[in-house]
Structures are given as C-alpha cells and as structure tokens.
C-alpha cells in the first residue's frame, strides 16, 4: 500500500523546504547575470511594436579590412544595411553610421536609463551622434520613402557600449 497521505501537512512542509533550498542553491551557483531583467525590459520597451529587428552581419571573413575592426558592426534586414562605428570618448561614445540604401532617414539611439538621441541621416545615408552615453544601447531607424513619407521602422539588437 501507499503510505503517503496527501492530507499529511508535514509532507507539504518538507516539500516546500526542499524546493526553497533548491531555489537558493540554483541562484547561488548559477545566478542570472546582474541587470538581466532590466536589459530584457529595455529591449522590448519600444513604443511602436510594429518594428523589424535587424541582425548582426558577421564580418569574420573581412579580418584586416577597414570595416572589420572591433568598433564597427553591420546590421542587415531585408533590403537595408546599417553599418555603425563606435568610438569611445571617456564615459561617452561617438557613433558614425551609414545606411544603404541611402536616404534622409531618422536615426534614434536609445540608451537604458538615458534620454534617446535623434538625428537625421544625410542624403548619402551618413549620420553622426557625437555624445552617446555608455550603457545598454539600441539603434532605431525610422525609414522614409523618396517622397519623405514615413515607412517601416527597423531596430537593432541591444549592444553594450
């Protein structure tokens, strides 16, 4: 016969104690990285959820080429390429970027716990933000068509500057 009585409250207390200790050990031995929840909340906290997410374009094969230095990242999505170069300047960064195809698109740089910075790319697709704070960062590109009519919005994955 089964000698476990589900009405036995001591059994539930033992289970709770074992699970509490297991939870403590998991967090002690394999705790989530500090700030993980905040970074996730930042990454998904876009006002306009109708965005396309760009992906990193690997440049391993371009070692030694001008665009292959560690401060340069290229993102792609469908028919848009975004190349950005990050230059540290103390606790801040300068971001130089290029959009292909070119156009006078609005570029927003979001940094966790800071105000967003916005600029407009020139007709060649080049943009510069000279004073970006350090932190968890995303770049949002608000595309316009040839007539200047707003179109789709593209966002990069988060980057730690």
N, C-alpha and C. Protein backbone atom coordinates (compact mmCIF):
# COMPACT_ATOMS: atom_id res chain seq x y z
N UNK A 1 0.81 -1.18 0.00
CA UNK A 1 0.00 0.00 0.00
C UNK A 1 0.86 1.25 0.00
N UNK A 2 0.23 2.32 -0.41
CA UNK A 2 0.89 3.62 -0.44
C UNK A 2 0.81 4.22 0.95
N UNK A 3 1.98 4.54 1.54
CA UNK A 3 1.97 5.08 2.90
C UNK A 3 2.01 6.60 2.92
N UNK A 4 1.82 7.27 1.76
CA UNK A 4 1.80 8.73 1.70
C UNK A 4 0.35 9.20 1.77
N UNK A 5 0.08 9.99 2.75
CA UNK A 5 -1.27 10.53 2.92
C UNK A 5 -1.26 11.98 2.45
N UNK A 6 -1.99 12.31 1.35
CA UNK A 6 -1.97 13.68 0.82
C UNK A 6 -2.50 14.71 1.81
N UNK A 7 -3.19 14.24 2.81
CA UNK A 7 -3.71 15.17 3.83
C UNK A 7 -2.67 15.48 4.89
N UNK A 8 -1.54 14.80 4.82
CA UNK A 8 -0.48 14.99 5.82
C UNK A 8 0.24 16.30 5.55
N UNK A 9 0.06 17.31 6.37
CA UNK A 9 0.62 18.66 6.19
C UNK A 9 2.14 18.67 6.33
N UNK A 10 2.69 17.70 7.11
CA UNK A 10 4.14 17.66 7.28
C UNK A 10 4.84 17.41 5.95
N UNK A 11 4.23 16.58 5.11
CA UNK A 11 4.81 16.25 3.79
C UNK A 11 4.91 17.52 2.95
N UNK A 12 3.87 18.36 2.92
CA UNK A 12 3.89 19.62 2.18
C UNK A 12 4.95 20.57 2.69
N UNK A 13 5.14 20.59 3.99
CA UNK A 13 6.16 21.46 4.58
C UNK A 13 7.56 20.99 4.19
N UNK A 14 7.77 19.66 4.17
CA UNK A 14 9.06 19.12 3.76
C UNK A 14 9.35 19.46 2.29
N UNK A 15 8.32 19.30 1.44
CA UNK A 15 8.49 19.63 0.02
C UNK A 15 8.84 21.10 -0.16
N UNK A 16 8.15 21.95 0.56
CA UNK A 16 8.42 23.39 0.47
C UNK A 16 9.84 23.70 0.92
N UNK A 17 10.29 23.05 1.98
CA UNK A 17 11.66 23.28 2.47
C UNK A 17 12.69 22.83 1.44
N UNK A 18 12.46 21.66 0.84
CA UNK A 18 13.40 21.14 -0.17
C UNK A 18 13.43 22.08 -1.38
N UNK A 19 12.27 22.52 -1.86
CA UNK A 19 12.22 23.42 -3.01
C UNK A 19 12.84 24.78 -2.70
N UNK A 20 12.66 25.27 -1.49
CA UNK A 20 13.27 26.54 -1.09
C UNK A 20 14.79 26.43 -1.09
N UNK A 21 15.30 25.33 -0.57
CA UNK A 21 16.75 25.12 -0.56
C UNK A 21 17.30 24.94 -1.97
N UNK A 22 16.58 24.22 -2.82
CA UNK A 22 16.99 24.04 -4.21
C UNK A 22 17.02 25.38 -4.94
N UNK A 23 16.02 26.22 -4.72
CA UNK A 23 15.98 27.55 -5.32
C UNK A 23 17.19 28.39 -4.87
N UNK A 24 17.51 28.32 -3.57
CA UNK A 24 18.66 29.07 -3.04
C UNK A 24 19.95 28.60 -3.69
N UNK A 25 20.11 27.27 -3.83
CA UNK A 25 21.33 26.74 -4.44
C UNK A 25 21.46 27.13 -5.90
N UNK A 26 20.36 27.08 -6.64
CA UNK A 26 20.40 27.45 -8.06
C UNK A 26 20.85 28.90 -8.20
N UNK A 27 20.27 29.80 -7.42
CA UNK A 27 20.65 31.21 -7.52
C UNK A 27 22.05 31.46 -7.00
N UNK A 28 22.50 30.66 -6.05
CA UNK A 28 23.86 30.83 -5.53
C UNK A 28 24.89 30.29 -6.53
N UNK A 29 24.63 29.14 -7.13
CA UNK A 29 25.60 28.51 -8.02
C UNK A 29 25.50 28.97 -9.47
N UNK A 30 24.30 29.36 -9.90
CA UNK A 30 24.11 29.75 -11.30
C UNK A 30 23.12 30.90 -11.40
N UNK A 31 23.45 31.97 -10.75
CA UNK A 31 22.56 33.13 -10.72
C UNK A 31 22.47 33.78 -12.09
N UNK A 32 21.31 34.37 -12.42
CA UNK A 32 21.22 35.11 -13.68
C UNK A 32 22.15 36.33 -13.62
N UNK A 33 22.66 36.77 -14.76
CA UNK A 33 23.56 37.94 -14.77
C UNK A 33 22.87 39.17 -14.17
N UNK A 34 23.66 39.98 -13.50
CA UNK A 34 23.13 41.21 -12.92
C UNK A 34 22.53 42.08 -14.01
N UNK A 35 21.36 42.62 -13.77
CA UNK A 35 20.72 43.51 -14.72
C UNK A 35 20.01 42.83 -15.87
N UNK A 36 19.92 41.51 -15.86
CA UNK A 36 19.31 40.79 -16.98
C UNK A 36 17.86 41.21 -17.19
N UNK A 37 17.09 41.27 -16.13
CA UNK A 37 15.67 41.64 -16.27
C UNK A 37 15.54 43.05 -16.83
N UNK A 38 16.35 43.97 -16.35
CA UNK A 38 16.30 45.35 -16.85
C UNK A 38 16.67 45.43 -18.32
N UNK A 39 17.69 44.66 -18.75
CA UNK A 39 18.10 44.66 -20.16
C UNK A 39 17.00 44.10 -21.05
N UNK A 40 16.33 43.05 -20.58
CA UNK A 40 15.24 42.48 -21.37
C UNK A 40 14.09 43.47 -21.47
N UNK A 41 13.75 44.11 -20.36
CA UNK A 41 12.67 45.11 -20.39
C UNK A 41 13.02 46.25 -21.33
N UNK A 42 14.27 46.69 -21.32
CA UNK A 42 14.70 47.76 -22.21
C UNK A 42 14.57 47.34 -23.67
N UNK A 43 14.97 46.12 -23.96
CA UNK A 43 14.97 45.64 -25.35
C UNK A 43 13.58 45.56 -25.94
N UNK A 44 12.59 45.28 -25.12
CA UNK A 44 11.24 45.13 -25.66
C UNK A 44 10.35 46.34 -25.41
N UNK A 45 10.86 47.38 -24.80
CA UNK A 45 10.05 48.54 -24.44
C UNK A 45 10.02 49.59 -25.55
N UNK A 46 9.71 49.20 -26.75
CA UNK A 46 9.57 50.14 -27.84
C UNK A 46 8.12 50.59 -27.91
N UNK A 47 7.91 51.88 -28.07
CA UNK A 47 6.56 52.39 -28.16
C UNK A 47 5.82 51.82 -29.36
N UNK A 48 6.51 51.71 -30.48
CA UNK A 48 5.92 51.20 -31.71
C UNK A 48 6.35 49.75 -31.88
N UNK A 49 5.45 48.82 -31.57
CA UNK A 49 5.82 47.42 -31.62
C UNK A 49 5.86 46.86 -33.03
N UNK A 50 5.47 47.67 -34.02
CA UNK A 50 5.49 47.23 -35.41
C UNK A 50 6.86 47.56 -36.01
N UNK A 51 7.89 46.84 -35.54
CA UNK A 51 9.25 47.09 -35.99
C UNK A 51 9.83 45.81 -36.56
N UNK A 52 10.85 45.99 -37.39
CA UNK A 52 11.61 44.85 -37.89
C UNK A 52 12.93 44.83 -37.13
N UNK A 53 13.37 43.68 -36.74
CA UNK A 53 14.62 43.56 -35.99
C UNK A 53 15.74 43.17 -36.95
N UNK A 54 16.75 44.02 -37.01
CA UNK A 54 17.92 43.73 -37.85
C UNK A 54 18.78 42.68 -37.15
N UNK A 55 19.62 42.04 -37.91
CA UNK A 55 20.53 41.04 -37.32
C UNK A 55 21.97 41.44 -37.63
N UNK A 56 22.87 40.98 -36.76
CA UNK A 56 24.29 41.24 -36.99
C UNK A 56 24.73 40.51 -38.22
N UNK A 57 25.52 41.17 -39.02
CA UNK A 57 26.14 40.53 -40.17
C UNK A 57 27.56 40.20 -39.77
N UNK A 58 27.91 38.94 -39.78
CA UNK A 58 29.25 38.51 -39.36
C UNK A 58 30.28 39.00 -40.36
N UNK A 59 31.40 39.53 -39.84
CA UNK A 59 32.45 40.04 -40.72
C UNK A 59 33.76 39.30 -40.51
N UNK A 60 33.69 38.05 -40.00
CA UNK A 60 34.92 37.29 -39.73
C UNK A 60 35.81 37.19 -40.96
N UNK A 61 35.20 37.07 -42.13
CA UNK A 61 35.99 36.91 -43.35
C UNK A 61 36.64 38.21 -43.78
N UNK A 62 36.29 39.31 -43.12
CA UNK A 62 36.85 40.61 -43.50
C UNK A 62 37.99 41.05 -42.60
N UNK A 63 38.61 40.14 -41.90
CA UNK A 63 39.70 40.50 -41.00
C UNK A 63 40.76 41.29 -41.75
N UNK A 64 41.14 42.42 -41.18
CA UNK A 64 42.14 43.26 -41.79
C UNK A 64 41.57 44.29 -42.75
N UNK A 65 40.30 44.17 -43.09
CA UNK A 65 39.66 45.14 -43.97
C UNK A 65 39.15 46.30 -43.12
N UNK A 66 39.06 47.47 -43.68
CA UNK A 66 38.68 48.67 -42.94
C UNK A 66 37.42 48.47 -42.10
N UNK A 67 36.38 47.85 -42.62
CA UNK A 67 35.14 47.65 -41.88
C UNK A 67 35.19 46.53 -40.87
N UNK A 68 36.30 45.84 -40.73
CA UNK A 68 36.36 44.69 -39.86
C UNK A 68 36.91 44.97 -38.47
N UNK A 69 37.16 46.24 -38.13
CA UNK A 69 37.71 46.49 -36.80
C UNK A 69 36.64 46.29 -35.74
N UNK A 70 37.05 46.06 -34.48
CA UNK A 70 36.10 45.71 -33.43
C UNK A 70 35.07 46.79 -33.13
N UNK A 71 35.33 48.04 -33.47
CA UNK A 71 34.38 49.11 -33.19
C UNK A 71 33.30 49.25 -34.24
N UNK A 72 33.33 48.43 -35.28
CA UNK A 72 32.36 48.53 -36.37
C UNK A 72 31.47 47.29 -36.39
N UNK A 73 30.16 47.55 -36.46
CA UNK A 73 29.18 46.46 -36.56
C UNK A 73 28.27 46.75 -37.74
N UNK A 74 27.93 45.72 -38.49
CA UNK A 74 26.99 45.85 -39.60
C UNK A 74 25.75 45.05 -39.28
N UNK A 75 24.59 45.68 -39.47
CA UNK A 75 23.30 45.05 -39.27
C UNK A 75 22.58 45.00 -40.60
N UNK A 76 21.79 43.95 -40.82
CA UNK A 76 21.02 43.85 -42.05
C UNK A 76 19.60 43.39 -41.74
N UNK A 77 18.69 43.83 -42.59
CA UNK A 77 17.31 43.35 -42.58
C UNK A 77 16.75 43.62 -43.97
N UNK A 78 16.16 42.61 -44.58
CA UNK A 78 15.62 42.74 -45.93
C UNK A 78 16.55 43.54 -46.83
N UNK A 79 16.09 44.71 -47.29
CA UNK A 79 16.89 45.50 -48.23
C UNK A 79 17.58 46.68 -47.55
N UNK A 80 17.82 46.63 -46.25
CA UNK A 80 18.50 47.71 -45.54
C UNK A 80 19.76 47.17 -44.87
N UNK A 81 20.85 47.92 -45.02
CA UNK A 81 22.09 47.63 -44.32
C UNK A 81 22.45 48.85 -43.49
N UNK A 82 22.79 48.61 -42.24
CA UNK A 82 23.19 49.67 -41.32
C UNK A 82 24.56 49.32 -40.79
N UNK A 83 25.55 50.18 -41.08
CA UNK A 83 26.89 49.98 -40.56
C UNK A 83 27.17 51.09 -39.57
N UNK A 84 27.60 50.73 -38.36
CA UNK A 84 27.89 51.73 -37.34
C UNK A 84 29.29 51.51 -36.78
N UNK A 85 29.95 52.60 -36.50
CA UNK A 85 31.26 52.58 -35.88
C UNK A 85 31.16 53.29 -34.54
N UNK A 86 31.60 52.63 -33.48
CA UNK A 86 31.56 53.18 -32.13
C UNK A 86 32.96 53.59 -31.71
N UNK A 87 33.13 54.86 -31.35
CA UNK A 87 34.42 55.36 -30.91
C UNK A 87 34.27 55.85 -29.48
N UNK A 88 34.92 55.17 -28.51
CA UNK A 88 34.81 55.60 -27.12
C UNK A 88 35.51 56.93 -26.88
N UNK A 89 34.91 57.73 -26.00
CA UNK A 89 35.49 59.02 -25.61
C UNK A 89 35.18 59.21 -24.13
N UNK A 90 36.02 58.66 -23.29
CA UNK A 90 35.76 58.68 -21.85
C UNK A 90 34.56 57.78 -21.54
N UNK A 91 33.58 58.34 -20.84
CA UNK A 91 32.37 57.57 -20.49
C UNK A 91 31.30 57.71 -21.57
N UNK A 92 31.63 58.31 -22.69
CA UNK A 92 30.68 58.53 -23.78
C UNK A 92 31.20 57.84 -25.04
N UNK A 93 30.38 57.89 -26.10
CA UNK A 93 30.77 57.32 -27.38
C UNK A 93 30.34 58.23 -28.52
N UNK A 94 31.09 58.17 -29.59
CA UNK A 94 30.68 58.80 -30.84
C UNK A 94 30.24 57.67 -31.76
N UNK A 95 29.08 57.86 -32.38
CA UNK A 95 28.57 56.86 -33.31
C UNK A 95 28.53 57.46 -34.70
N UNK A 96 29.28 56.86 -35.61
CA UNK A 96 29.22 57.21 -37.03
C UNK A 96 28.50 56.08 -37.72
N UNK A 97 27.51 56.41 -38.56
CA UNK A 97 26.75 55.36 -39.20
C UNK A 97 26.46 55.64 -40.66
N UNK A 98 26.15 54.56 -41.37
CA UNK A 98 25.83 54.65 -42.80
C UNK A 98 24.66 53.71 -43.08
N UNK A 99 23.70 54.20 -43.84
CA UNK A 99 22.53 53.42 -44.23
C UNK A 99 22.57 53.15 -45.73
N UNK A 100 22.29 51.92 -46.13
CA UNK A 100 22.22 51.56 -47.55
C UNK A 100 20.94 50.75 -47.74
N UNK A 101 20.04 51.18 -48.60
CA UNK A 101 20.15 52.34 -49.48
C UNK A 101 20.07 53.63 -48.68
N UNK A 102 20.75 54.63 -49.22
CA UNK A 102 20.85 55.92 -48.55
C UNK A 102 19.51 56.64 -48.57
N UNK A 103 19.38 57.57 -47.65
CA UNK A 103 18.18 58.39 -47.59
C UNK A 103 18.20 59.21 -46.32
N UNK A 104 17.36 60.21 -46.28
CA UNK A 104 17.29 61.10 -45.11
C UNK A 104 16.37 60.50 -44.06
N UNK A 105 16.79 59.36 -43.54
CA UNK A 105 16.02 58.63 -42.54
C UNK A 105 16.34 59.16 -41.14
N UNK A 106 15.38 59.05 -40.23
CA UNK A 106 15.61 59.46 -38.85
C UNK A 106 16.24 58.29 -38.10
N UNK A 107 17.30 58.59 -37.35
CA UNK A 107 18.02 57.58 -36.58
C UNK A 107 17.93 57.96 -35.11
N UNK A 108 17.44 57.03 -34.32
CA UNK A 108 17.29 57.24 -32.87
C UNK A 108 18.21 56.26 -32.16
N UNK A 109 18.96 56.74 -31.18
CA UNK A 109 19.80 55.87 -30.38
C UNK A 109 19.23 55.87 -28.97
N UNK A 110 18.81 54.69 -28.52
CA UNK A 110 18.24 54.52 -27.19
C UNK A 110 19.31 53.93 -26.27
N UNK A 111 19.51 54.53 -25.11
CA UNK A 111 20.43 54.01 -24.11
C UNK A 111 19.66 53.88 -22.80
N UNK A 112 19.70 52.70 -22.20
CA UNK A 112 18.96 52.46 -20.97
C UNK A 112 19.29 53.51 -19.92
N UNK A 113 18.24 53.98 -19.26
CA UNK A 113 18.34 54.97 -18.18
C UNK A 113 18.84 56.33 -18.65
N UNK A 114 18.74 56.62 -19.95
CA UNK A 114 19.12 57.92 -20.50
C UNK A 114 18.06 58.33 -21.52
N UNK A 115 18.05 59.59 -21.86
CA UNK A 115 17.17 60.08 -22.91
C UNK A 115 17.66 59.58 -24.27
N UNK A 116 16.74 59.38 -25.19
CA UNK A 116 17.12 58.99 -26.55
C UNK A 116 17.78 60.17 -27.26
N UNK A 117 18.68 59.86 -28.17
CA UNK A 117 19.29 60.87 -29.03
C UNK A 117 18.80 60.61 -30.45
N UNK A 118 18.45 61.66 -31.16
CA UNK A 118 17.92 61.50 -32.51
C UNK A 118 18.66 62.41 -33.47
N UNK A 119 18.89 61.90 -34.67
CA UNK A 119 19.49 62.69 -35.74
C UNK A 119 18.89 62.22 -37.05
N UNK A 120 19.22 62.94 -38.11
CA UNK A 120 18.73 62.57 -39.43
C UNK A 120 19.93 62.27 -40.31
N UNK A 121 19.86 61.15 -41.03
CA UNK A 121 20.92 60.81 -41.97
C UNK A 121 20.87 61.79 -43.14
N UNK A 122 22.02 62.07 -43.73
CA UNK A 122 22.02 62.95 -44.90
C UNK A 122 21.57 62.16 -46.13
N UNK A 123 21.51 62.83 -47.28
CA UNK A 123 21.01 62.16 -48.48
C UNK A 123 21.91 61.01 -48.94
N UNK A 124 23.15 60.94 -48.40
CA UNK A 124 24.05 59.82 -48.69
C UNK A 124 23.91 58.69 -47.68
N UNK A 125 23.02 58.86 -46.68
CA UNK A 125 22.79 57.83 -45.68
C UNK A 125 23.72 57.89 -44.48
N UNK A 126 24.55 58.95 -44.40
CA UNK A 126 25.51 59.06 -43.29
C UNK A 126 24.89 59.84 -42.14
N UNK A 127 25.20 59.39 -40.91
CA UNK A 127 24.75 60.11 -39.72
C UNK A 127 25.81 60.03 -38.64
N UNK A 128 25.77 61.00 -37.70
CA UNK A 128 26.72 61.05 -36.59
C UNK A 128 25.98 61.47 -35.33
N UNK A 129 26.27 60.77 -34.25
CA UNK A 129 25.85 61.19 -32.91
C UNK A 129 27.12 61.25 -32.09
N UNK A 130 27.49 62.46 -31.65
CA UNK A 130 28.81 62.67 -31.07
C UNK A 130 28.90 62.43 -29.57
N UNK A 131 27.76 62.36 -28.86
CA UNK A 131 27.82 62.32 -27.39
C UNK A 131 26.82 61.31 -26.84
N UNK A 132 27.08 60.02 -27.04
CA UNK A 132 26.17 58.97 -26.61
C UNK A 132 26.70 58.35 -25.32
N UNK A 133 25.86 58.26 -24.28
CA UNK A 133 26.34 57.69 -23.02
C UNK A 133 26.59 56.19 -23.12
N UNK A 134 27.35 55.68 -22.17
CA UNK A 134 27.65 54.26 -22.08
C UNK A 134 26.45 53.53 -21.49
N UNK A 135 26.18 52.33 -21.97
CA UNK A 135 25.10 51.52 -21.41
C UNK A 135 24.51 50.60 -22.46
N UNK A 136 23.41 49.98 -22.10
CA UNK A 136 22.69 49.10 -23.00
C UNK A 136 22.05 49.95 -24.08
N UNK A 137 22.38 49.69 -25.34
CA UNK A 137 22.03 50.58 -26.44
C UNK A 137 21.32 49.85 -27.56
N UNK A 138 20.36 50.54 -28.18
CA UNK A 138 19.70 50.07 -29.40
C UNK A 138 19.66 51.23 -30.38
N UNK A 139 19.73 50.89 -31.65
CA UNK A 139 19.59 51.90 -32.71
C UNK A 139 18.28 51.62 -33.42
N UNK A 140 17.46 52.67 -33.56
CA UNK A 140 16.17 52.56 -34.22
C UNK A 140 16.21 53.45 -35.46
N UNK A 141 15.91 52.88 -36.62
CA UNK A 141 15.91 53.64 -37.87
C UNK A 141 14.47 53.75 -38.35
N UNK A 142 14.01 55.00 -38.47
CA UNK A 142 12.67 55.28 -38.99
C UNK A 142 12.83 55.64 -40.46
N UNK A 143 12.49 54.71 -41.34
CA UNK A 143 12.71 54.89 -42.77
C UNK A 143 11.63 55.77 -43.39
N UNK A 144 12.02 56.53 -44.41
CA UNK A 144 11.08 57.31 -45.22
C UNK A 144 11.31 56.94 -46.68
N UNK A 145 10.25 57.09 -47.48
CA UNK A 145 10.41 56.80 -48.91
C UNK A 145 10.96 58.03 -49.63
N UNK A 146 11.11 57.96 -50.93
CA UNK A 146 11.70 59.04 -51.72
C UNK A 146 10.93 60.35 -51.59
N UNK A 147 9.64 60.27 -51.27
CA UNK A 147 8.82 61.49 -51.11
C UNK A 147 8.85 62.01 -49.68
N UNK A 148 9.56 61.29 -48.78
CA UNK A 148 9.62 61.71 -47.38
C UNK A 148 8.49 61.16 -46.52
N UNK A 149 7.74 60.21 -47.07
CA UNK A 149 6.62 59.62 -46.33
C UNK A 149 7.16 58.55 -45.39
N UNK A 150 6.79 58.61 -44.10
CA UNK A 150 7.27 57.60 -43.15
C UNK A 150 6.88 56.19 -43.59
N UNK A 151 7.83 55.28 -43.40
CA UNK A 151 7.61 53.88 -43.76
C UNK A 151 7.83 52.99 -42.57
N UNK A 152 8.56 51.93 -42.77
CA UNK A 152 8.79 50.96 -41.71
C UNK A 152 9.84 51.44 -40.72
N UNK A 153 9.91 50.75 -39.60
CA UNK A 153 10.89 51.04 -38.56
C UNK A 153 11.72 49.80 -38.31
N UNK A 154 13.05 50.00 -38.23
CA UNK A 154 13.98 48.90 -38.02
C UNK A 154 14.73 49.16 -36.72
N UNK A 155 14.90 48.12 -35.92
CA UNK A 155 15.63 48.25 -34.65
C UNK A 155 16.73 47.19 -34.62
N UNK A 156 17.88 47.56 -34.01
CA UNK A 156 18.98 46.61 -33.86
C UNK A 156 18.82 45.85 -32.55
N UNK A 157 19.48 44.72 -32.43
CA UNK A 157 19.55 44.07 -31.12
C UNK A 157 20.29 45.00 -30.16
N UNK A 158 20.17 44.76 -28.86
CA UNK A 158 20.86 45.60 -27.89
C UNK A 158 22.35 45.36 -27.95
N UNK A 159 23.10 46.43 -27.70
CA UNK A 159 24.56 46.41 -27.72
C UNK A 159 25.01 47.02 -26.40
N UNK A 160 26.04 46.47 -25.80
CA UNK A 160 26.60 47.05 -24.58
C UNK A 160 27.76 47.96 -24.96
N UNK A 161 27.55 49.26 -24.80
CA UNK A 161 28.64 50.22 -25.07
C UNK A 161 29.39 50.51 -23.80
